[in-house]
Amino acid sequence: MPLQYTAPNPKIEPPNPKNTNQNPKKPSHSSLASIKIQTIPPI
């Protein structure tokens, strides 16, 4: 059980810091724009 719990954790964590380190301005704006545009139409 501890192996499965630690596997998904480190795999999801590395892509996060690496993505923000590579393009902190691009992913940040894309994420905000995508969330804002997706939340505006449904509302």
N, C-alpha and C. Protein backbone atom coordinates (compact mmCIF):
# COMPACT_ATOMS: atom_id res chain seq x y z
N MET A 1 0.83 -1.22 0.00
CA MET A 1 0.00 0.00 0.00
C MET A 1 0.87 1.27 0.00
N PRO A 2 1.95 1.24 0.73
CA PRO A 2 2.82 2.43 0.80
C PRO A 2 3.53 2.67 -0.52
N LEU A 3 3.68 1.61 -1.30
CA LEU A 3 4.36 1.77 -2.59
C LEU A 3 3.45 2.47 -3.59
N GLN A 4 2.18 2.11 -3.59
CA GLN A 4 1.24 2.71 -4.53
C GLN A 4 0.95 4.18 -4.15
N TYR A 5 1.01 4.44 -2.86
CA TYR A 5 0.70 5.80 -2.38
C TYR A 5 1.85 6.76 -2.68
N THR A 6 3.07 6.22 -2.64
CA THR A 6 4.25 7.07 -2.88
C THR A 6 4.52 7.19 -4.39
N ALA A 7 3.99 6.28 -5.17
CA ALA A 7 4.24 6.31 -6.62
C ALA A 7 3.49 7.47 -7.28
N PRO A 8 2.21 7.62 -7.06
CA PRO A 8 1.42 8.69 -7.68
C PRO A 8 1.78 10.06 -7.13
N ASN A 9 2.30 10.10 -5.92
CA ASN A 9 2.66 11.38 -5.30
C ASN A 9 3.88 12.02 -5.98
N PRO A 10 5.00 11.31 -6.04
CA PRO A 10 6.22 11.85 -6.64
C PRO A 10 6.06 12.07 -8.14
N LYS A 11 5.19 11.31 -8.76
CA LYS A 11 5.00 11.45 -10.21
C LYS A 11 4.21 12.72 -10.52
N ILE A 12 3.30 13.06 -9.68
CA ILE A 12 2.46 14.25 -9.89
C ILE A 12 3.19 15.52 -9.41
N GLU A 13 4.09 15.34 -8.44
CA GLU A 13 4.79 16.50 -7.87
C GLU A 13 5.90 17.03 -8.80
N PRO A 14 6.73 16.14 -9.36
CA PRO A 14 7.83 16.57 -10.24
C PRO A 14 7.35 17.39 -11.44
N PRO A 15 6.28 17.00 -12.10
CA PRO A 15 5.79 17.73 -13.27
C PRO A 15 5.29 19.13 -12.90
N ASN A 16 4.91 19.31 -11.67
CA ASN A 16 4.40 20.62 -11.24
C ASN A 16 5.51 21.67 -11.14
N PRO A 17 6.54 21.39 -10.35
CA PRO A 17 7.64 22.34 -10.16
C PRO A 17 8.45 22.52 -11.44
N LYS A 18 8.52 21.48 -12.24
CA LYS A 18 9.29 21.57 -13.49
C LYS A 18 8.54 22.44 -14.51
N ASN A 19 7.25 22.32 -14.55
CA ASN A 19 6.45 23.10 -15.49
C ASN A 19 6.47 24.58 -15.13
N THR A 20 6.46 24.87 -13.84
CA THR A 20 6.44 26.27 -13.40
C THR A 20 7.83 26.88 -13.52
N ASN A 21 8.85 26.03 -13.41
CA ASN A 21 10.22 26.52 -13.50
C ASN A 21 10.59 26.81 -14.96
N GLN A 22 10.06 26.00 -15.87
CA GLN A 22 10.37 26.17 -17.30
C GLN A 22 9.67 27.41 -17.85
N ASN A 23 8.40 27.54 -17.59
CA ASN A 23 7.62 28.69 -18.10
C ASN A 23 6.59 29.12 -17.05
N PRO A 24 7.05 29.81 -16.03
CA PRO A 24 6.15 30.24 -14.94
C PRO A 24 5.15 31.28 -15.43
N LYS A 25 5.50 32.00 -16.47
CA LYS A 25 4.60 33.06 -16.98
C LYS A 25 3.62 32.48 -18.00
N LYS A 26 4.08 31.54 -18.79
CA LYS A 26 3.19 30.97 -19.83
C LYS A 26 2.13 30.04 -19.22
N PRO A 27 2.53 29.07 -18.41
CA PRO A 27 1.58 28.13 -17.79
C PRO A 27 0.62 28.85 -16.85
N SER A 28 1.13 29.87 -16.18
CA SER A 28 0.30 30.62 -15.22
C SER A 28 -0.82 31.34 -15.98
N HIS A 29 -0.47 32.00 -17.05
CA HIS A 29 -1.47 32.75 -17.82
C HIS A 29 -2.44 31.81 -18.54
N SER A 30 -1.88 30.74 -19.08
CA SER A 30 -2.72 29.76 -19.80
C SER A 30 -3.70 29.10 -18.84
N SER A 31 -3.22 28.79 -17.65
CA SER A 31 -4.07 28.11 -16.65
C SER A 31 -5.18 29.07 -16.21
N LEU A 32 -4.82 30.31 -15.97
CA LEU A 32 -5.80 31.30 -15.49
C LEU A 32 -6.82 31.60 -16.59
N ALA A 33 -6.35 31.74 -17.80
CA ALA A 33 -7.24 32.06 -18.92
C ALA A 33 -8.17 30.88 -19.20
N SER A 34 -7.62 29.68 -19.14
CA SER A 34 -8.42 28.47 -19.41
C SER A 34 -9.50 28.30 -18.35
N ILE A 35 -9.12 28.54 -17.11
CA ILE A 35 -10.08 28.37 -15.99
C ILE A 35 -11.13 29.48 -16.04
N LYS A 36 -10.71 30.68 -16.37
CA LYS A 36 -11.65 31.83 -16.40
C LYS A 36 -12.62 31.69 -17.57
N ILE A 37 -12.11 31.27 -18.70
CA ILE A 37 -12.97 31.13 -19.89
C ILE A 37 -13.92 29.95 -19.72
N GLN A 38 -13.42 28.90 -19.05
CA GLN A 38 -14.25 27.69 -18.86
C GLN A 38 -15.29 27.91 -17.78
N THR A 39 -15.00 28.81 -16.84
CA THR A 39 -15.94 29.04 -15.73
C THR A 39 -16.94 30.14 -16.11
N ILE A 40 -16.60 30.96 -17.06
CA ILE A 40 -17.49 32.08 -17.45
C ILE A 40 -18.67 31.58 -18.31
N PRO A 41 -18.40 30.77 -19.35
CA PRO A 41 -19.48 30.27 -20.22
C PRO A 41 -20.54 29.47 -19.45
N PRO A 42 -20.12 28.53 -18.60
CA PRO A 42 -21.08 27.70 -17.84
C PRO A 42 -21.91 28.56 -16.89
N ILE A 43 -21.32 29.59 -16.35
CA ILE A 43 -22.04 30.45 -15.39
C ILE A 43 -23.09 31.24 -16.17
